[in-house]
Each structure stands twice: as structure tokens, then as C-alpha cells.
Amino acid sequence: MSVIRKIYLYLFSAIGLIVVIIGSVQLVDLGLKTFVFKKADVYLEYPRPIIAPDGKIEAINEIPKEELEKFNREQQESQRQRTLANALAMIVVGLPLYLYHWKTLKSDQEK
């Protein structure tokens, strides 16, 4: 086996493995935030002042508490779905990349 081919196979095996590890870490992180540390990704939106063009504060934009809680829940669910999709995509792409190159390396070494 040529040196360049060996470097290529090891490099892409490492890249695939790293991508799988990152995706797995994201999945574990998502699971912990969803089931164990439920307040870890809760972001609250506070009332914002409405500022007039002349720079004076006209009023505080009070959002009803129910609306704010609903908005925050929807944002949290949306963020979790994005994280899940990203993590699964990394695993689906990284695992075959790693396995193919690693098996090719092992079969070349046995010859």
C-alpha cells in the first residue's frame, strides 16, 4: 500500500470518527437537557421598551405571561428538533465514512 493511500485512509477514518463522536455528544447533550436538566436550555424573554424616534421611551411592551410561556416552549422544542436533526445527520454521514475507510485499511493490512 502506498504511503499517500495510507494517509488518505487514516485521515478520512479519523474525520468520520470525529464526526460520529460530535454527533453522539450532541445526542447525549440533548437527552440530558430533555430528561435530566430540564431548565438547562430555557431562555426567558423579558419585556422590551418601545423607543420613539426621538429616543424617549414610550412604553414597556408587556407580553402576557401565557403567550410568553407558549413562545418559549415552542422555541425550546424547535431548538431541540434542530439539534436532533443535526446530530443524526452527523452520525449518518460520519459512521459510513469511518467504517468504509477503516475496513479498507484493515483489509489492505491483511494482504
PDB file of N, CA and C in Angstrom:
ATOM      1  N   MET A   1       0.849  -1.171   0.000  1.00  0.00           N
ATOM      2  CA  MET A   1       0.000   0.000   0.000  1.00  0.00           C
ATOM      3  C   MET A   1       0.896   1.236   0.000  1.00  0.00           C
ATOM      4  N   SER A   2       0.556   2.203  -0.864  1.00  0.00           N
ATOM      5  CA  SER A   2       1.369   3.414  -0.945  1.00  0.00           C
ATOM      6  C   SER A   2       1.140   4.292   0.290  1.00  0.00           C
ATOM      7  N   VAL A   3       2.107   5.123   0.543  1.00  0.00           N
ATOM      8  CA  VAL A   3       2.059   5.996   1.713  1.00  0.00           C
ATOM      9  C   VAL A   3       0.903   6.996   1.584  1.00  0.00           C
ATOM     10  N   ILE A   4       0.707   7.541   0.397  1.00  0.00           N
ATOM     11  CA  ILE A   4      -0.360   8.528   0.187  1.00  0.00           C
ATOM     12  C   ILE A   4      -1.727   7.886   0.414  1.00  0.00           C
ATOM     13  N   ARG A   5      -1.908   6.674  -0.082  1.00  0.00           N
ATOM     14  CA  ARG A   5      -3.183   5.965   0.117  1.00  0.00           C
ATOM     15  C   ARG A   5      -3.414   5.704   1.604  1.00  0.00           C
ATOM     16  N   LYS A   6      -2.364   5.311   2.312  1.00  0.00           N
ATOM     17  CA  LYS A   6      -2.468   5.036   3.739  1.00  0.00           C
ATOM     18  C   LYS A   6      -2.849   6.310   4.512  1.00  0.00           C
ATOM     19  N   ILE A   7      -2.200   7.418   4.171  1.00  0.00           N
ATOM     20  CA  ILE A   7      -2.505   8.698   4.820  1.00  0.00           C
ATOM     21  C   ILE A   7      -3.959   9.083   4.552  1.00  0.00           C
ATOM     22  N   TYR A   8      -4.386   8.932   3.296  1.00  0.00           N
ATOM     23  CA  TYR A   8      -5.769   9.247   2.926  1.00  0.00           C
ATOM     24  C   TYR A   8      -6.749   8.411   3.744  1.00  0.00           C
ATOM     25  N   LEU A   9      -6.531   7.118   3.825  1.00  0.00           N
ATOM     26  CA  LEU A   9      -7.447   6.238   4.548  1.00  0.00           C
ATOM     27  C   LEU A   9      -7.481   6.558   6.036  1.00  0.00           C
ATOM     28  N   TYR A  10      -6.316   6.781   6.642  1.00  0.00           N
ATOM     29  CA  TYR A  10      -6.287   7.145   8.066  1.00  0.00           C
ATOM     30  C   TYR A  10      -6.947   8.503   8.309  1.00  0.00           C
ATOM     31  N   LEU A  11      -6.705   9.460   7.421  1.00  0.00           N
ATOM     32  CA  LEU A  11      -7.268  10.795   7.577  1.00  0.00           C
ATOM     33  C   LEU A  11      -8.794  10.752   7.515  1.00  0.00           C
ATOM     34  N   PHE A  12      -9.341  10.061   6.512  1.00  0.00           N
ATOM     35  CA  PHE A  12     -10.789  10.021   6.387  1.00  0.00           C
ATOM     36  C   PHE A  12     -11.434   9.123   7.445  1.00  0.00           C
ATOM     37  N   SER A  13     -10.724   8.138   7.913  1.00  0.00           N
ATOM     38  CA  SER A  13     -11.227   7.355   9.045  1.00  0.00           C
ATOM     39  C   SER A  13     -11.326   8.244  10.287  1.00  0.00           C
ATOM     40  N   ALA A  14     -10.301   9.038  10.513  1.00  0.00           N
ATOM     41  CA  ALA A  14     -10.295   9.939  11.669  1.00  0.00           C
ATOM     42  C   ALA A  14     -11.398  10.986  11.551  1.00  0.00           C
ATOM     43  N   ILE A  15     -11.568  11.551  10.370  1.00  0.00           N
ATOM     44  CA  ILE A  15     -12.615  12.560  10.169  1.00  0.00           C
ATOM     45  C   ILE A  15     -13.990  11.949  10.427  1.00  0.00           C
ATOM     46  N   GLY A  16     -14.224  10.760   9.877  1.00  0.00           N
ATOM     47  CA  GLY A  16     -15.500  10.085  10.104  1.00  0.00           C
ATOM     48  C   GLY A  16     -15.747   9.806  11.567  1.00  0.00           C
ATOM     49  N   LEU A  17     -14.722   9.333  12.262  1.00  0.00           N
ATOM     50  CA  LEU A  17     -14.854   9.034  13.687  1.00  0.00           C
ATOM     51  C   LEU A  17     -15.133  10.302  14.492  1.00  0.00           C
ATOM     52  N   ILE A  18     -14.461  11.375  14.163  1.00  0.00           N
ATOM     53  CA  ILE A  18     -14.665  12.650  14.866  1.00  0.00           C
ATOM     54  C   ILE A  18     -16.098  13.153  14.651  1.00  0.00           C
ATOM     55  N   VAL A  19     -16.598  13.046  13.426  1.00  0.00           N
ATOM     56  CA  VAL A  19     -17.961  13.491  13.137  1.00  0.00           C
ATOM     57  C   VAL A  19     -18.970  12.650  13.928  1.00  0.00           C
ATOM     58  N   VAL A  20     -18.745  11.341  14.004  1.00  0.00           N
ATOM     59  CA  VAL A  20     -19.634  10.464  14.784  1.00  0.00           C
ATOM     60  C   VAL A  20     -19.583  10.827  16.264  1.00  0.00           C
ATOM     61  N   ILE A  21     -18.402  11.103  16.778  1.00  0.00           N
ATOM     62  CA  ILE A  21     -18.260  11.473  18.191  1.00  0.00           C
ATOM     63  C   ILE A  21     -18.996  12.786  18.475  1.00  0.00           C
ATOM     64  N   ILE A  22     -18.846  13.773  17.611  1.00  0.00           N
ATOM     65  CA  ILE A  22     -19.525  15.054  17.813  1.00  0.00           C
ATOM     66  C   ILE A  22     -21.040  14.863  17.781  1.00  0.00           C
ATOM     67  N   GLY A  23     -21.527  14.091  16.815  1.00  0.00           N
ATOM     68  CA  GLY A  23     -22.961  13.823  16.744  1.00  0.00           C
ATOM     69  C   GLY A  23     -23.467  13.090  17.972  1.00  0.00           C
ATOM     70  N   SER A  24     -22.686  12.134  18.456  1.00  0.00           N
ATOM     71  CA  SER A  24     -23.078  11.391  19.658  1.00  0.00           C
ATOM     72  C   SER A  24     -23.097  12.285  20.887  1.00  0.00           C
ATOM     73  N   VAL A  25     -22.139  13.168  20.997  1.00  0.00           N
ATOM     74  CA  VAL A  25     -22.096  14.110  22.118  1.00  0.00           C
ATOM     75  C   VAL A  25     -23.328  15.014  22.074  1.00  0.00           C
ATOM     76  N   GLN A  26     -23.711  15.462  20.883  1.00  0.00           N
ATOM     77  CA  GLN A  26     -24.901  16.296  20.767  1.00  0.00           C
ATOM     78  C   GLN A  26     -26.153  15.534  21.188  1.00  0.00           C
ATOM     79  N   LEU A  27     -26.243  14.247  20.822  1.00  0.00           N
ATOM     80  CA  LEU A  27     -27.385  13.438  21.231  1.00  0.00           C
ATOM     81  C   LEU A  27     -27.447  13.268  22.747  1.00  0.00           C
ATOM     82  N   VAL A  28     -26.309  13.003  23.369  1.00  0.00           N
ATOM     83  CA  VAL A  28     -26.266  12.858  24.827  1.00  0.00           C
ATOM     84  C   VAL A  28     -26.635  14.185  25.488  1.00  0.00           C
ATOM     85  N   ASP A  29     -26.112  15.279  24.959  1.00  0.00           N
ATOM     86  CA  ASP A  29     -26.430  16.607  25.479  1.00  0.00           C
ATOM     87  C   ASP A  29     -27.929  16.876  25.392  1.00  0.00           C
ATOM     88  N   LEU A  30     -28.518  16.557  24.252  1.00  0.00           N
ATOM     89  CA  LEU A  30     -29.956  16.752  24.070  1.00  0.00           C
ATOM     90  C   LEU A  30     -30.748  15.884  25.041  1.00  0.00           C
ATOM     91  N   GLY A  31     -30.347  14.640  25.215  1.00  0.00           N
ATOM     92  CA  GLY A  31     -31.032  13.754  26.154  1.00  0.00           C
ATOM     93  C   GLY A  31     -30.949  14.257  27.579  1.00  0.00           C
ATOM     94  N   LEU A  32     -29.786  14.730  27.979  1.00  0.00           N
ATOM     95  CA  LEU A  32     -29.632  15.263  29.338  1.00  0.00           C
ATOM     96  C   LEU A  32     -30.491  16.507  29.545  1.00  0.00           C
ATOM     97  N   LYS A  33     -30.507  17.403  28.552  1.00  0.00           N
ATOM     98  CA  LYS A  33     -31.316  18.614  28.677  1.00  0.00           C
ATOM     99  C   LYS A  33     -32.809  18.303  28.673  1.00  0.00           C
ATOM    100  N   THR A  34     -33.198  17.259  27.956  1.00  0.00           N
ATOM    101  CA  THR A  34     -34.616  16.924  27.856  1.00  0.00           C
ATOM    102  C   THR A  34     -35.120  16.195  29.094  1.00  0.00           C
ATOM    103  N   PHE A  35     -34.334  15.256  29.628  1.00  0.00           N
ATOM    104  CA  PHE A  35     -34.837  14.386  30.685  1.00  0.00           C
ATOM    105  C   PHE A  35     -34.237  14.629  32.066  1.00  0.00           C
ATOM    106  N   VAL A  36     -33.048  15.190  32.157  1.00  0.00           N
ATOM    107  CA  VAL A  36     -32.396  15.347  33.459  1.00  0.00           C
ATOM    108  C   VAL A  36     -32.352  16.817  33.880  1.00  0.00           C
ATOM    109  N   PHE A  37     -31.705  17.642  33.067  1.00  0.00           N
ATOM    110  CA  PHE A  37     -31.535  19.065  33.391  1.00  0.00           C
ATOM    111  C   PHE A  37     -32.542  19.872  32.574  1.00  0.00           C
ATOM    112  N   LYS A  38     -33.782  19.825  32.984  1.00  0.00           N
ATOM    113  CA  LYS A  38     -34.874  20.377  32.178  1.00  0.00           C
ATOM    114  C   LYS A  38     -34.832  21.892  32.033  1.00  0.00           C
ATOM    115  N   LYS A  39     -34.150  22.589  32.910  1.00  0.00           N
ATOM    116  CA  LYS A  39     -34.085  24.050  32.810  1.00  0.00           C
ATOM    117  C   LYS A  39     -32.792  24.532  32.153  1.00  0.00           C
ATOM    118  N   ALA A  40     -31.997  23.608  31.649  1.00  0.00           N
ATOM    119  CA  ALA A  40     -30.701  23.975  31.084  1.00  0.00           C
ATOM    120  C   ALA A  40     -30.808  24.774  29.793  1.00  0.00           C
ATOM    121  N   ASP A  41     -31.876  24.591  29.045  1.00  0.00           N
ATOM    122  CA  ASP A  41     -31.994  25.334  27.796  1.00  0.00           C
ATOM    123  C   ASP A  41     -33.262  26.184  27.742  1.00  0.00           C
ATOM    124  N   VAL A  42     -33.704  26.657  28.904  1.00  0.00           N
ATOM    125  CA  VAL A  42     -34.860  27.544  28.965  1.00  0.00           C
ATOM    126  C   VAL A  42     -34.350  28.981  28.912  1.00  0.00           C
ATOM    127  N   TYR A  43     -34.858  29.710  27.948  1.00  0.00           N
ATOM    128  CA  TYR A  43     -34.497  31.119  27.804  1.00  0.00           C
ATOM    129  C   TYR A  43     -35.762  31.946  27.981  1.00  0.00           C
ATOM    130  N   LEU A  44     -35.685  32.913  28.820  1.00  0.00           N
ATOM    131  CA  LEU A  44     -36.837  33.764  29.064  1.00  0.00           C
ATOM    132  C   LEU A  44     -36.680  35.064  28.298  1.00  0.00           C
ATOM    133  N   GLU A  45     -37.789  35.521  27.763  1.00  0.00           N
ATOM    134  CA  GLU A  45     -37.782  36.797  27.072  1.00  0.00           C
ATOM    135  C   GLU A  45     -38.396  37.827  27.995  1.00  0.00           C
ATOM    136  N   TYR A  46     -37.708  38.910  28.202  1.00  0.00           N
ATOM    137  CA  TYR A  46     -38.178  39.946  29.103  1.00  0.00           C
ATOM    138  C   TYR A  46     -38.853  41.058  28.306  1.00  0.00           C
ATOM    139  N   PRO A  47     -39.738  41.798  28.948  1.00  0.00           N
ATOM    140  CA  PRO A  47     -40.394  42.912  28.252  1.00  0.00           C
ATOM    141  C   PRO A  47     -39.361  43.914  27.748  1.00  0.00           C
ATOM    142  N   ARG A  48     -39.632  44.436  26.564  1.00  0.00           N
ATOM    143  CA  ARG A  48     -38.701  45.399  25.970  1.00  0.00           C
ATOM    144  C   ARG A  48     -39.367  46.769  25.889  1.00  0.00           C
ATOM    145  N   PRO A  49     -38.595  47.803  26.091  1.00  0.00           N
ATOM    146  CA  PRO A  49     -39.186  49.137  25.959  1.00  0.00           C
ATOM    147  C   PRO A  49     -39.426  49.478  24.486  1.00  0.00           C
ATOM    148  N   ILE A  50     -40.478  50.235  24.238  1.00  0.00           N
ATOM    149  CA  ILE A  50     -40.729  50.762  22.900  1.00  0.00           C
ATOM    150  C   ILE A  50     -40.135  52.158  22.883  1.00  0.00           C
ATOM    151  N   ILE A  51     -39.177  52.354  21.990  1.00  0.00           N
ATOM    152  CA  ILE A  51     -38.459  53.625  21.951  1.00  0.00           C
ATOM    153  C   ILE A  51     -38.956  54.437  20.757  1.00  0.00           C
ATOM    154  N   ALA A  52     -39.321  55.678  21.031  1.00  0.00           N
ATOM    155  CA  ALA A  52     -39.807  56.581  19.983  1.00  0.00           C
ATOM    156  C   ALA A  52     -38.626  57.040  19.125  1.00  0.00           C
ATOM    157  N   PRO A  53     -38.920  57.546  17.922  1.00  0.00           N
ATOM    158  CA  PRO A  53     -37.833  58.032  17.053  1.00  0.00           C
ATOM    159  C   PRO A  53     -36.974  59.122  17.689  1.00  0.00           C
ATOM    160  N   ASP A  54     -37.547  59.878  18.626  1.00  0.00           N
ATOM    161  CA  ASP A  54     -36.754  60.933  19.275  1.00  0.00           C
ATOM    162  C   ASP A  54     -35.904  60.403  20.430  1.00  0.00           C
ATOM    163  N   GLY A  55     -35.989  59.088  20.698  1.00  0.00           N
ATOM    164  CA  GLY A  55     -35.157  58.473  21.719  1.00  0.00           C
ATOM    165  C   GLY A  55     -35.810  58.304  23.068  1.00  0.00           C
ATOM    166  N   LYS A  56     -37.028  58.795  23.236  1.00  0.00           N
ATOM    167  CA  LYS A  56     -37.727  58.665  24.510  1.00  0.00           C
ATOM    168  C   LYS A  56     -38.427  57.309  24.586  1.00  0.00           C
ATOM    169  N   ILE A  57     -38.480  56.772  25.785  1.00  0.00           N
ATOM    170  CA  ILE A  57     -39.174  55.507  25.998  1.00  0.00           C
ATOM    171  C   ILE A  57     -40.666  55.804  26.097  1.00  0.00           C
ATOM    172  N   GLU A  58     -41.430  55.200  25.187  1.00  0.00           N
ATOM    173  CA  GLU A  58     -42.872  55.443  25.172  1.00  0.00           C
ATOM    174  C   GLU A  58     -43.608  54.500  26.114  1.00  0.00           C
ATOM    175  N   ALA A  59     -43.241  53.226  26.081  1.00  0.00           N
ATOM    176  CA  ALA A  59     -43.958  52.255  26.912  1.00  0.00           C
ATOM    177  C   ALA A  59     -43.128  50.986  26.999  1.00  0.00           C
ATOM    178  N   ILE A  60     -43.478  50.177  27.958  1.00  0.00           N
ATOM    179  CA  ILE A  60     -42.866  48.858  28.078  1.00  0.00           C
ATOM    180  C   ILE A  60     -43.800  47.882  27.376  1.00  0.00           C
ATOM    181  N   ASN A  61     -43.255  47.118  26.456  1.00  0.00           N
ATOM    182  CA  ASN A  61     -44.054  46.149  25.706  1.00  0.00           C
ATOM    183  C   ASN A  61     -44.278  44.929  26.592  1.00  0.00           C
ATOM    184  N   GLU A  62     -45.402  44.899  27.257  1.00  0.00           N
ATOM    185  CA  GLU A  62     -45.735  43.790  28.153  1.00  0.00           C
ATOM    186  C   GLU A  62     -46.387  42.664  27.357  1.00  0.00           C
ATOM    187  N   ILE A  63     -45.775  41.521  27.354  1.00  0.00           N
ATOM    188  CA  ILE A  63     -46.338  40.352  26.691  1.00  0.00           C
ATOM    189  C   ILE A  63     -47.031  39.528  27.769  1.00  0.00           C
ATOM    190  N   PRO A  64     -48.278  39.100  27.525  1.00  0.00           N
ATOM    191  CA  PRO A  64     -48.955  38.267  28.531  1.00  0.00           C
ATOM    192  C   PRO A  64     -48.135  37.024  28.866  1.00  0.00           C
ATOM    193  N   LYS A  65     -48.156  36.641  30.138  1.00  0.00           N
ATOM    194  CA  LYS A  65     -47.333  35.536  30.621  1.00  0.00           C
ATOM    195  C   LYS A  65     -47.609  34.241  29.868  1.00  0.00           C
ATOM    196  N   GLU A  66     -48.878  33.957  29.574  1.00  0.00           N
ATOM    197  CA  GLU A  66     -49.233  32.723  28.859  1.00  0.00           C
ATOM    198  C   GLU A  66     -48.623  32.704  27.458  1.00  0.00           C
ATOM    199  N   GLU A  67     -48.684  33.870  26.794  1.00  0.00           N
ATOM    200  CA  GLU A  67     -48.114  33.969  25.448  1.00  0.00           C
ATOM    201  C   GLU A  67     -46.610  33.767  25.487  1.00  0.00           C
ATOM    202  N   LEU A  68     -45.989  34.376  26.467  1.00  0.00           N
ATOM    203  CA  LEU A  68     -44.537  34.269  26.609  1.00  0.00           C
ATOM    204  C   LEU A  68     -44.114  32.836  26.893  1.00  0.00           C
ATOM    205  N   GLU A  69     -44.835  32.142  27.772  1.00  0.00           N
ATOM    206  CA  GLU A  69     -44.514  30.745  28.079  1.00  0.00           C
ATOM    207  C   GLU A  69     -44.712  29.853  26.862  1.00  0.00           C
ATOM    208  N   LYS A  70     -45.786  30.090  26.111  1.00  0.00           N
ATOM    209  CA  LYS A  70     -46.038  29.321  24.892  1.00  0.00           C
ATOM    210  C   LYS A  70     -44.927  29.553  23.872  1.00  0.00           C
ATOM    211  N   PHE A  71     -44.546  30.803  23.692  1.00  0.00           N
ATOM    212  CA  PHE A  71     -43.469  31.141  22.769  1.00  0.00           C
ATOM    213  C   PHE A  71     -42.168  30.463  23.180  1.00  0.00           C
ATOM    214  N   ASN A  72     -41.847  30.511  24.471  1.00  0.00           N
ATOM    215  CA  ASN A  72     -40.615  29.894  24.963  1.00  0.00           C
ATOM    216  C   ASN A  72     -40.626  28.377  24.778  1.00  0.00           C
ATOM    217  N   ARG A  73     -41.774  27.728  25.025  1.00  0.00           N
ATOM    218  CA  ARG A  73     -41.891  26.274  24.819  1.00  0.00           C
ATOM    219  C   ARG A  73     -41.691  25.917  23.353  1.00  0.00           C
ATOM    220  N   GLU A  74     -42.302  26.701  22.463  1.00  0.00           N
ATOM    221  CA  GLU A  74     -42.162  26.447  21.029  1.00  0.00           C
ATOM    222  C   GLU A  74     -40.716  26.639  20.574  1.00  0.00           C
ATOM    223  N   GLN A  75     -40.073  27.665  21.084  1.00  0.00           N
ATOM    224  CA  GLN A  75     -38.668  27.902  20.744  1.00  0.00           C
ATOM    225  C   GLN A  75     -37.788  26.771  21.245  1.00  0.00           C
ATOM    226  N   GLN A  76     -38.052  26.302  22.458  1.00  0.00           N
ATOM    227  CA  GLN A  76     -37.272  25.212  23.050  1.00  0.00           C
ATOM    228  C   GLN A  76     -37.454  23.935  22.231  1.00  0.00           C
ATOM    229  N   GLU A  77     -38.691  23.623  21.868  1.00  0.00           N
ATOM    230  CA  GLU A  77     -38.964  22.429  21.070  1.00  0.00           C
ATOM    231  C   GLU A  77     -38.316  22.529  19.696  1.00  0.00           C
ATOM    232  N   SER A  78     -38.389  23.695  19.117  1.00  0.00           N
ATOM    233  CA  SER A  78     -37.773  23.920  17.812  1.00  0.00           C
ATOM    234  C   SER A  78     -36.253  23.735  17.883  1.00  0.00           C
ATOM    235  N   GLN A  79     -35.637  24.268  18.923  1.00  0.00           N
ATOM    236  CA  GLN A  79     -34.188  24.128  19.081  1.00  0.00           C
ATOM    237  C   GLN A  79     -33.803  22.666  19.294  1.00  0.00           C
ATOM    238  N   ARG A  80     -34.571  21.939  20.059  1.00  0.00           N
ATOM    239  CA  ARG A  80     -34.283  20.518  20.292  1.00  0.00           C
ATOM    240  C   ARG A  80     -34.383  19.724  18.996  1.00  0.00           C
ATOM    241  N   GLN A  81     -35.381  20.036  18.183  1.00  0.00           N
ATOM    242  CA  GLN A  81     -35.524  19.329  16.907  1.00  0.00           C
ATOM    243  C   GLN A  81     -34.361  19.635  15.972  1.00  0.00           C
ATOM    244  N   ARG A  82     -33.901  20.884  15.955  1.00  0.00           N
ATOM    245  CA  ARG A  82     -32.734  21.238  15.134  1.00  0.00           C
ATOM    246  C   ARG A  82     -31.492  20.488  15.609  1.00  0.00           C
ATOM    247  N   THR A  83     -31.306  20.429  16.925  1.00  0.00           N
ATOM    248  CA  THR A  83     -30.153  19.722  17.482  1.00  0.00           C
ATOM    249  C   THR A  83     -30.218  18.240  17.155  1.00  0.00           C
ATOM    250  N   LEU A  84     -31.396  17.640  17.289  1.00  0.00           N
ATOM    251  CA  LEU A  84     -31.565  16.224  16.979  1.00  0.00           C
ATOM    252  C   LEU A  84     -31.278  15.944  15.502  1.00  0.00           C
ATOM    253  N   ALA A  85     -31.817  16.770  14.633  1.00  0.00           N
ATOM    254  CA  ALA A  85     -31.586  16.584  13.196  1.00  0.00           C
ATOM    255  C   ALA A  85     -30.107  16.717  12.861  1.00  0.00           C
ATOM    256  N   ASN A  86     -29.447  17.691  13.448  1.00  0.00           N
ATOM    257  CA  ASN A  86     -28.021  17.902  13.199  1.00  0.00           C
ATOM    258  C   ASN A  86     -27.192  16.723  13.706  1.00  0.00           C
ATOM    259  N   ALA A  87     -27.488  16.259  14.903  1.00  0.00           N
ATOM    260  CA  ALA A  87     -26.732  15.146  15.485  1.00  0.00           C
ATOM    261  C   ALA A  87     -26.922  13.871  14.674  1.00  0.00           C
ATOM    262  N   LEU A  88     -28.156  13.579  14.296  1.00  0.00           N
ATOM    263  CA  LEU A  88     -28.413  12.375  13.496  1.00  0.00           C
ATOM    264  C   LEU A  88     -27.752  12.465  12.123  1.00  0.00           C
ATOM    265  N   ALA A  89     -27.772  13.639  11.525  1.00  0.00           N
ATOM    266  CA  ALA A  89     -27.112  13.815  10.227  1.00  0.00           C
ATOM    267  C   ALA A  89     -25.610  13.555  10.343  1.00  0.00           C
ATOM    268  N   MET A  90     -25.003  14.036  11.407  1.00  0.00           N
ATOM    269  CA  MET A  90     -23.568  13.799  11.607  1.00  0.00           C
ATOM    270  C   MET A  90     -23.273  12.311  11.751  1.00  0.00           C
ATOM    271  N   ILE A  91     -24.096  11.607  12.501  1.00  0.00           N
ATOM    272  CA  ILE A  91     -23.880  10.174  12.696  1.00  0.00           C
ATOM    273  C   ILE A  91     -24.107   9.411  11.395  1.00  0.00           C
ATOM    274  N   VAL A  92     -25.177   9.758  10.672  1.00  0.00           N
ATOM    275  CA  VAL A  92     -25.494   9.064   9.418  1.00  0.00           C
ATOM    276  C   VAL A  92     -24.406   9.281   8.371  1.00  0.00           C
ATOM    277  N   VAL A  93     -23.790  10.438   8.353  1.00  0.00           N
ATOM    278  CA  VAL A  93     -22.716  10.704   7.391  1.00  0.00           C
ATOM    279  C   VAL A  93     -21.379  10.181   7.900  1.00  0.00           C
ATOM    280  N   GLY A  94     -21.086  10.400   9.168  1.00  0.00           N
ATOM    281  CA  GLY A  94     -19.772  10.058   9.712  1.00  0.00           C
ATOM    282  C   GLY A  94     -19.534   8.570   9.888  1.00  0.00           C
ATOM    283  N   LEU A  95     -20.556   7.822  10.268  1.00  0.00           N
ATOM    284  CA  LEU A  95     -20.380   6.397  10.522  1.00  0.00           C
ATOM    285  C   LEU A  95     -19.974   5.620   9.268  1.00  0.00           C
ATOM    286  N   PRO A  96     -20.688   5.772   8.143  1.00  0.00           N
ATOM    287  CA  PRO A  96     -20.244   5.060   6.940  1.00  0.00           C
ATOM    288  C   PRO A  96     -18.859   5.520   6.454  1.00  0.00           C
ATOM    289  N   LEU A  97     -18.598   6.816   6.603  1.00  0.00           N
ATOM    290  CA  LEU A  97     -17.287   7.338   6.202  1.00  0.00           C
ATOM    291  C   LEU A  97     -16.181   6.648   7.001  1.00  0.00           C
ATOM    292  N   TYR A  98     -16.370   6.575   8.301  1.00  0.00           N
ATOM    293  CA  TYR A  98     -15.383   5.922   9.158  1.00  0.00           C
ATOM    294  C   TYR A  98     -15.279   4.430   8.857  1.00  0.00           C
ATOM    295  N   LEU A  99     -16.423   3.749   8.829  1.00  0.00           N
ATOM    296  CA  LEU A  99     -16.407   2.287   8.648  1.00  0.00           C
ATOM    297  C   LEU A  99     -15.796   1.871   7.320  1.00  0.00           C
ATOM    298  N   TYR A 100     -16.154   2.561   6.254  1.00  0.00           N
ATOM    299  CA  TYR A 100     -15.612   2.200   4.941  1.00  0.00           C
ATOM    300  C   TYR A 100     -14.092   2.339   4.916  1.00  0.00           C
ATOM    301  N   HIS A 101     -13.588   3.483   5.355  1.00  0.00           N
ATOM    302  CA  HIS A 101     -12.144   3.714   5.292  1.00  0.00           C
ATOM    303  C   HIS A 101     -11.392   2.823   6.274  1.00  0.00           C
ATOM    304  N   TRP A 102     -11.959   2.574   7.448  1.00  0.00           N
ATOM    305  CA  TRP A 102     -11.289   1.717   8.427  1.00  0.00           C
ATOM    306  C   TRP A 102     -11.233   0.274   7.939  1.00  0.00           C
ATOM    307  N   LYS A 103     -12.330  -0.222   7.360  1.00  0.00           N
ATOM    308  CA  LYS A 103     -12.333  -1.585   6.829  1.00  0.00           C
ATOM    309  C   LYS A 103     -11.369  -1.723   5.658  1.00  0.00           C
ATOM    310  N   THR A 104     -11.295  -0.699   4.836  1.00  0.00           N
ATOM    311  CA  THR A 104     -10.345  -0.726   3.726  1.00  0.00           C
ATOM    312  C   THR A 104      -8.913  -0.777   4.253  1.00  0.00           C
ATOM    313  N   LEU A 105      -8.626  -0.025   5.292  1.00  0.00           N
ATOM    314  CA  LEU A 105      -7.289  -0.048   5.908  1.00  0.00           C
ATOM    315  C   LEU A 105      -6.984  -1.453   6.450  1.00  0.00           C
ATOM    316  N   LYS A 106      -7.934  -2.021   7.171  1.00  0.00           N
ATOM    317  CA  LYS A 106      -7.706  -3.339   7.762  1.00  0.00           C
ATOM    318  C   LYS A 106      -7.543  -4.427   6.696  1.00  0.00           C
ATOM    319  N   SER A 107      -8.337  -4.363   5.638  1.00  0.00           N
ATOM    320  CA  SER A 107      -8.205  -5.374   4.585  1.00  0.00           C
ATOM    321  C   SER A 107      -6.908  -5.215   3.821  1.00  0.00           C
ATOM    322  N   ASP A 108      -6.436  -3.989   3.646  1.00  0.00           N
ATOM    323  CA  ASP A 108      -5.152  -3.748   2.969  1.00  0.00           C
ATOM    324  C   ASP A 108      -3.987  -4.247   3.827  1.00  0.00           C
ATOM    325  N   GLN A 109      -4.105  -4.145   5.140  1.00  0.00           N
ATOM    326  CA  GLN A 109      -3.052  -4.586   6.037  1.00  0.00           C
ATOM    327  C   GLN A 109      -2.959  -6.114   6.082  1.00  0.00           C
ATOM    328  N   GLU A 110      -4.084  -6.786   5.865  1.00  0.00           N
ATOM    329  CA  GLU A 110      -4.086  -8.244   5.911  1.00  0.00           C
ATOM    330  C   GLU A 110      -3.476  -8.859   4.647  1.00  0.00           C
ATOM    331  N   LYS A 111      -3.396  -8.118   3.580  1.00  0.00           N
ATOM    332  CA  LYS A 111      -2.852  -8.640   2.307  1.00  0.00           C
ATOM    333  C   LYS A 111      -1.352  -8.745   2.332  1.00  0.00           C
TER     334      LYS A 111
END
